[in-house]
Amino acid sequence: TRWNEIFHDQVLTAALTDRLTHKSHVLNMNGPSFRMRETEEWLKNESTDD
């Protein structure tokens, strides 16, 4: 993983990620992008302003 590139120690990396995720909640972020929708609306408005 990329974490190993940062910490250079597989055991330390496993311990850190285990402690970071122990009481975490997984969020499903697979829905439509709010920022993408805003950008598309902005681009549409820009093209009609010309």
PDB file of N, CA and C in Angstrom:
ATOM      1  N   THR A   1       0.837  -1.199   0.000  1.00  0.00           N
ATOM      2  CA  THR A   1       0.000   0.000   0.000  1.00  0.00           C
ATOM      3  C   THR A   1       0.871   1.248   0.000  1.00  0.00           C
ATOM      4  N   ARG A   2       0.273   2.378  -0.247  1.00  0.00           N
ATOM      5  CA  ARG A   2       1.008   3.648  -0.250  1.00  0.00           C
ATOM      6  C   ARG A   2       1.409   4.055   1.166  1.00  0.00           C
ATOM      7  N   TRP A   3       0.675   3.549   2.172  1.00  0.00           N
ATOM      8  CA  TRP A   3       1.028   3.873   3.560  1.00  0.00           C
ATOM      9  C   TRP A   3       2.445   3.393   3.868  1.00  0.00           C
ATOM     10  N   ASN A   4       2.814   2.220   3.350  1.00  0.00           N
ATOM     11  CA  ASN A   4       4.155   1.687   3.601  1.00  0.00           C
ATOM     12  C   ASN A   4       5.236   2.581   3.014  1.00  0.00           C
ATOM     13  N   GLU A   5       4.934   3.278   1.933  1.00  0.00           N
ATOM     14  CA  GLU A   5       5.900   4.202   1.338  1.00  0.00           C
ATOM     15  C   GLU A   5       6.163   5.380   2.270  1.00  0.00           C
ATOM     16  N   ILE A   6       5.175   5.755   3.047  1.00  0.00           N
ATOM     17  CA  ILE A   6       5.315   6.904   3.945  1.00  0.00           C
ATOM     18  C   ILE A   6       6.020   6.511   5.236  1.00  0.00           C
ATOM     19  N   PHE A   7       5.591   5.408   5.859  1.00  0.00           N
ATOM     20  CA  PHE A   7       6.119   5.033   7.171  1.00  0.00           C
ATOM     21  C   PHE A   7       7.304   4.075   7.110  1.00  0.00           C
ATOM     22  N   HIS A   8       7.540   3.435   5.983  1.00  0.00           N
ATOM     23  CA  HIS A   8       8.699   2.553   5.754  1.00  0.00           C
ATOM     24  C   HIS A   8       8.781   1.384   6.735  1.00  0.00           C
ATOM     25  N   ASP A   9       7.690   1.033   7.384  1.00  0.00           N
ATOM     26  CA  ASP A   9       7.685  -0.093   8.317  1.00  0.00           C
ATOM     27  C   ASP A   9       6.301  -0.725   8.273  1.00  0.00           C
ATOM     28  N   GLN A  10       6.225  -1.952   7.791  1.00  0.00           N
ATOM     29  CA  GLN A  10       4.931  -2.597   7.582  1.00  0.00           C
ATOM     30  C   GLN A  10       4.187  -2.827   8.897  1.00  0.00           C
ATOM     31  N   VAL A  11       4.896  -3.185   9.966  1.00  0.00           N
ATOM     32  CA  VAL A  11       4.252  -3.432  11.258  1.00  0.00           C
ATOM     33  C   VAL A  11       3.705  -2.128  11.828  1.00  0.00           C
ATOM     34  N   LEU A  12       4.497  -1.060  11.762  1.00  0.00           N
ATOM     35  CA  LEU A  12       4.046   0.248  12.242  1.00  0.00           C
ATOM     36  C   LEU A  12       2.843   0.726  11.437  1.00  0.00           C
ATOM     37  N   THR A  13       2.893   0.538  10.141  1.00  0.00           N
ATOM     38  CA  THR A  13       1.787   0.946   9.275  1.00  0.00           C
ATOM     39  C   THR A  13       0.510   0.196   9.633  1.00  0.00           C
ATOM     40  N   ALA A  14       0.611  -1.101   9.841  1.00  0.00           N
ATOM     41  CA  ALA A  14      -0.564  -1.899  10.212  1.00  0.00           C
ATOM     42  C   ALA A  14      -1.127  -1.446  11.552  1.00  0.00           C
ATOM     43  N   ALA A  15      -0.260  -1.163  12.518  1.00  0.00           N
ATOM     44  CA  ALA A  15      -0.718  -0.719  13.836  1.00  0.00           C
ATOM     45  C   ALA A  15      -1.397   0.642  13.751  1.00  0.00           C
ATOM     46  N   LEU A  16      -0.826   1.558  12.990  1.00  0.00           N
ATOM     47  CA  LEU A  16      -1.414   2.893  12.861  1.00  0.00           C
ATOM     48  C   LEU A  16      -2.771   2.856  12.173  1.00  0.00           C
ATOM     49  N   THR A  17      -2.862   2.129  11.078  1.00  0.00           N
ATOM     50  CA  THR A  17      -4.148   2.077  10.373  1.00  0.00           C
ATOM     51  C   THR A  17      -5.197   1.336  11.194  1.00  0.00           C
ATOM     52  N   ASP A  18      -4.781   0.344  11.966  1.00  0.00           N
ATOM     53  CA  ASP A  18      -5.717  -0.364  12.839  1.00  0.00           C
ATOM     54  C   ASP A  18      -6.278   0.580  13.895  1.00  0.00           C
ATOM     55  N   ARG A  19      -5.428   1.408  14.478  1.00  0.00           N
ATOM     56  CA  ARG A  19      -5.886   2.348  15.504  1.00  0.00           C
ATOM     57  C   ARG A  19      -6.724   3.478  14.912  1.00  0.00           C
ATOM     58  N   LEU A  20      -6.405   3.887  13.705  1.00  0.00           N
ATOM     59  CA  LEU A  20      -7.180   4.946  13.058  1.00  0.00           C
ATOM     60  C   LEU A  20      -8.577   4.478  12.662  1.00  0.00           C
ATOM     61  N   THR A  21      -8.699   3.222  12.305  1.00  0.00           N
ATOM     62  CA  THR A  21      -9.981   2.727  11.798  1.00  0.00           C
ATOM     63  C   THR A  21     -10.775   1.927  12.822  1.00  0.00           C
ATOM     64  N   HIS A  22     -10.267   1.769  14.025  1.00  0.00           N
ATOM     65  CA  HIS A  22     -10.912   0.924  15.039  1.00  0.00           C
ATOM     66  C   HIS A  22     -12.357   1.328  15.305  1.00  0.00           C
ATOM     67  N   LYS A  23     -12.616   2.604  15.532  1.00  0.00           N
ATOM     68  CA  LYS A  23     -13.977   3.061  15.832  1.00  0.00           C
ATOM     69  C   LYS A  23     -14.532   3.949  14.720  1.00  0.00           C
ATOM     70  N   SER A  24     -14.053   3.738  13.523  1.00  0.00           N
ATOM     71  CA  SER A  24     -14.484   4.579  12.406  1.00  0.00           C
ATOM     72  C   SER A  24     -15.762   4.035  11.773  1.00  0.00           C
ATOM     73  N   HIS A  25     -16.386   4.858  10.976  1.00  0.00           N
ATOM     74  CA  HIS A  25     -17.580   4.480  10.221  1.00  0.00           C
ATOM     75  C   HIS A  25     -17.240   4.557   8.738  1.00  0.00           C
ATOM     76  N   VAL A  26     -17.705   3.585   7.976  1.00  0.00           N
ATOM     77  CA  VAL A  26     -17.479   3.565   6.539  1.00  0.00           C
ATOM     78  C   VAL A  26     -18.617   4.325   5.870  1.00  0.00           C
ATOM     79  N   LEU A  27     -18.270   5.290   5.039  1.00  0.00           N
ATOM     80  CA  LEU A  27     -19.258   6.076   4.312  1.00  0.00           C
ATOM     81  C   LEU A  27     -19.264   5.658   2.851  1.00  0.00           C
ATOM     82  N   ASN A  28     -20.433   5.410   2.312  1.00  0.00           N
ATOM     83  CA  ASN A  28     -20.573   5.057   0.905  1.00  0.00           C
ATOM     84  C   ASN A  28     -20.547   6.349   0.095  1.00  0.00           C
ATOM     85  N   MET A  29     -19.485   6.555  -0.662  1.00  0.00           N
ATOM     86  CA  MET A  29     -19.306   7.783  -1.437  1.00  0.00           C
ATOM     87  C   MET A  29     -19.452   7.513  -2.932  1.00  0.00           C
ATOM     88  N   ASN A  30     -20.298   6.553  -3.304  1.00  0.00           N
ATOM     89  CA  ASN A  30     -20.440   6.162  -4.701  1.00  0.00           C
ATOM     90  C   ASN A  30     -21.570   6.873  -5.424  1.00  0.00           C
ATOM     91  N   GLY A  31     -22.251   7.790  -4.767  1.00  0.00           N
ATOM     92  CA  GLY A  31     -23.359   8.504  -5.391  1.00  0.00           C
ATOM     93  C   GLY A  31     -22.862   9.569  -6.353  1.00  0.00           C
ATOM     94  N   PRO A  32     -23.787  10.328  -6.922  1.00  0.00           N
ATOM     95  CA  PRO A  32     -23.391  11.394  -7.849  1.00  0.00           C
ATOM     96  C   PRO A  32     -22.598  12.489  -7.133  1.00  0.00           C
ATOM     97  N   SER A  33     -21.646  13.053  -7.823  1.00  0.00           N
ATOM     98  CA  SER A  33     -20.774  14.072  -7.255  1.00  0.00           C
ATOM     99  C   SER A  33     -21.478  15.424  -7.220  1.00  0.00           C
ATOM    100  N   PHE A  34     -21.564  16.010  -6.042  1.00  0.00           N
ATOM    101  CA  PHE A  34     -22.178  17.326  -5.891  1.00  0.00           C
ATOM    102  C   PHE A  34     -21.337  18.389  -6.599  1.00  0.00           C
ATOM    103  N   ARG A  35     -20.015  18.296  -6.448  1.00  0.00           N
ATOM    104  CA  ARG A  35     -19.136  19.277  -7.093  1.00  0.00           C
ATOM    105  C   ARG A  35     -19.203  19.173  -8.607  1.00  0.00           C
ATOM    106  N   MET A  36     -19.313  17.942  -9.131  1.00  0.00           N
ATOM    107  CA  MET A  36     -19.403  17.766 -10.580  1.00  0.00           C
ATOM    108  C   MET A  36     -20.683  18.399 -11.110  1.00  0.00           C
ATOM    109  N   ARG A  37     -21.788  18.206 -10.386  1.00  0.00           N
ATOM    110  CA  ARG A  37     -23.057  18.794 -10.806  1.00  0.00           C
ATOM    111  C   ARG A  37     -22.959  20.323 -10.812  1.00  0.00           C
ATOM    112  N   GLU A  38     -22.351  20.901  -9.773  1.00  0.00           N
ATOM    113  CA  GLU A  38     -22.172  22.358  -9.724  1.00  0.00           C
ATOM    114  C   GLU A  38     -21.306  22.844 -10.882  1.00  0.00           C
ATOM    115  N   THR A  39     -20.241  22.116 -11.182  1.00  0.00           N
ATOM    116  CA  THR A  39     -19.341  22.498 -12.271  1.00  0.00           C
ATOM    117  C   THR A  39     -20.060  22.438 -13.608  1.00  0.00           C
ATOM    118  N   GLU A  40     -20.851  21.394 -13.831  1.00  0.00           N
ATOM    119  CA  GLU A  40     -21.602  21.277 -15.087  1.00  0.00           C
ATOM    120  C   GLU A  40     -22.596  22.423 -15.234  1.00  0.00           C
ATOM    121  N   GLU A  41     -23.279  22.786 -14.141  1.00  0.00           N
ATOM    122  CA  GLU A  41     -24.218  23.911 -14.188  1.00  0.00           C
ATOM    123  C   GLU A  41     -23.480  25.219 -14.465  1.00  0.00           C
ATOM    124  N   TRP A  42     -22.327  25.392 -13.837  1.00  0.00           N
ATOM    125  CA  TRP A  42     -21.534  26.608 -14.038  1.00  0.00           C
ATOM    126  C   TRP A  42     -21.075  26.708 -15.493  1.00  0.00           C
ATOM    127  N   LEU A  43     -20.590  25.588 -16.055  1.00  0.00           N
ATOM    128  CA  LEU A  43     -20.144  25.579 -17.448  1.00  0.00           C
ATOM    129  C   LEU A  43     -21.300  25.872 -18.398  1.00  0.00           C
ATOM    130  N   LYS A  44     -22.472  25.318 -18.105  1.00  0.00           N
ATOM    131  CA  LYS A  44     -23.644  25.566 -18.937  1.00  0.00           C
ATOM    132  C   LYS A  44     -24.000  27.051 -18.905  1.00  0.00           C
ATOM    133  N   ASN A  45     -23.960  27.659 -17.728  1.00  0.00           N
ATOM    134  CA  ASN A  45     -24.266  29.086 -17.598  1.00  0.00           C
ATOM    135  C   ASN A  45     -23.215  29.952 -18.289  1.00  0.00           C
ATOM    136  N   GLU A  46     -21.966  29.531 -18.233  1.00  0.00           N
ATOM    137  CA  GLU A  46     -20.891  30.277 -18.894  1.00  0.00           C
ATOM    138  C   GLU A  46     -21.089  30.272 -20.406  1.00  0.00           C
ATOM    139  N   SER A  47     -21.488  29.125 -20.950  1.00  0.00           N
ATOM    140  CA  SER A  47     -21.651  29.033 -22.404  1.00  0.00           C
ATOM    141  C   SER A  47     -22.868  29.821 -22.881  1.00  0.00           C
ATOM    142  N   THR A  48     -23.882  29.978 -22.043  1.00  0.00           N
ATOM    143  CA  THR A  48     -25.063  30.752 -22.444  1.00  0.00           C
ATOM    144  C   THR A  48     -24.851  32.249 -22.256  1.00  0.00           C
ATOM    145  N   ASP A  49     -23.859  32.636 -21.453  1.00  0.00           N
ATOM    146  CA  ASP A  49     -23.574  34.055 -21.224  1.00  0.00           C
ATOM    147  C   ASP A  49     -22.841  34.692 -22.399  1.00  0.00           C
ATOM    148  N   ASP A  50     -22.224  33.896 -23.252  1.00  0.00           N
ATOM    149  CA  ASP A  50     -21.436  34.432 -24.384  1.00  0.00           C
ATOM    150  C   ASP A  50     -22.292  34.972 -25.480  1.00  0.00           C
TER     151      ASP A  50
END
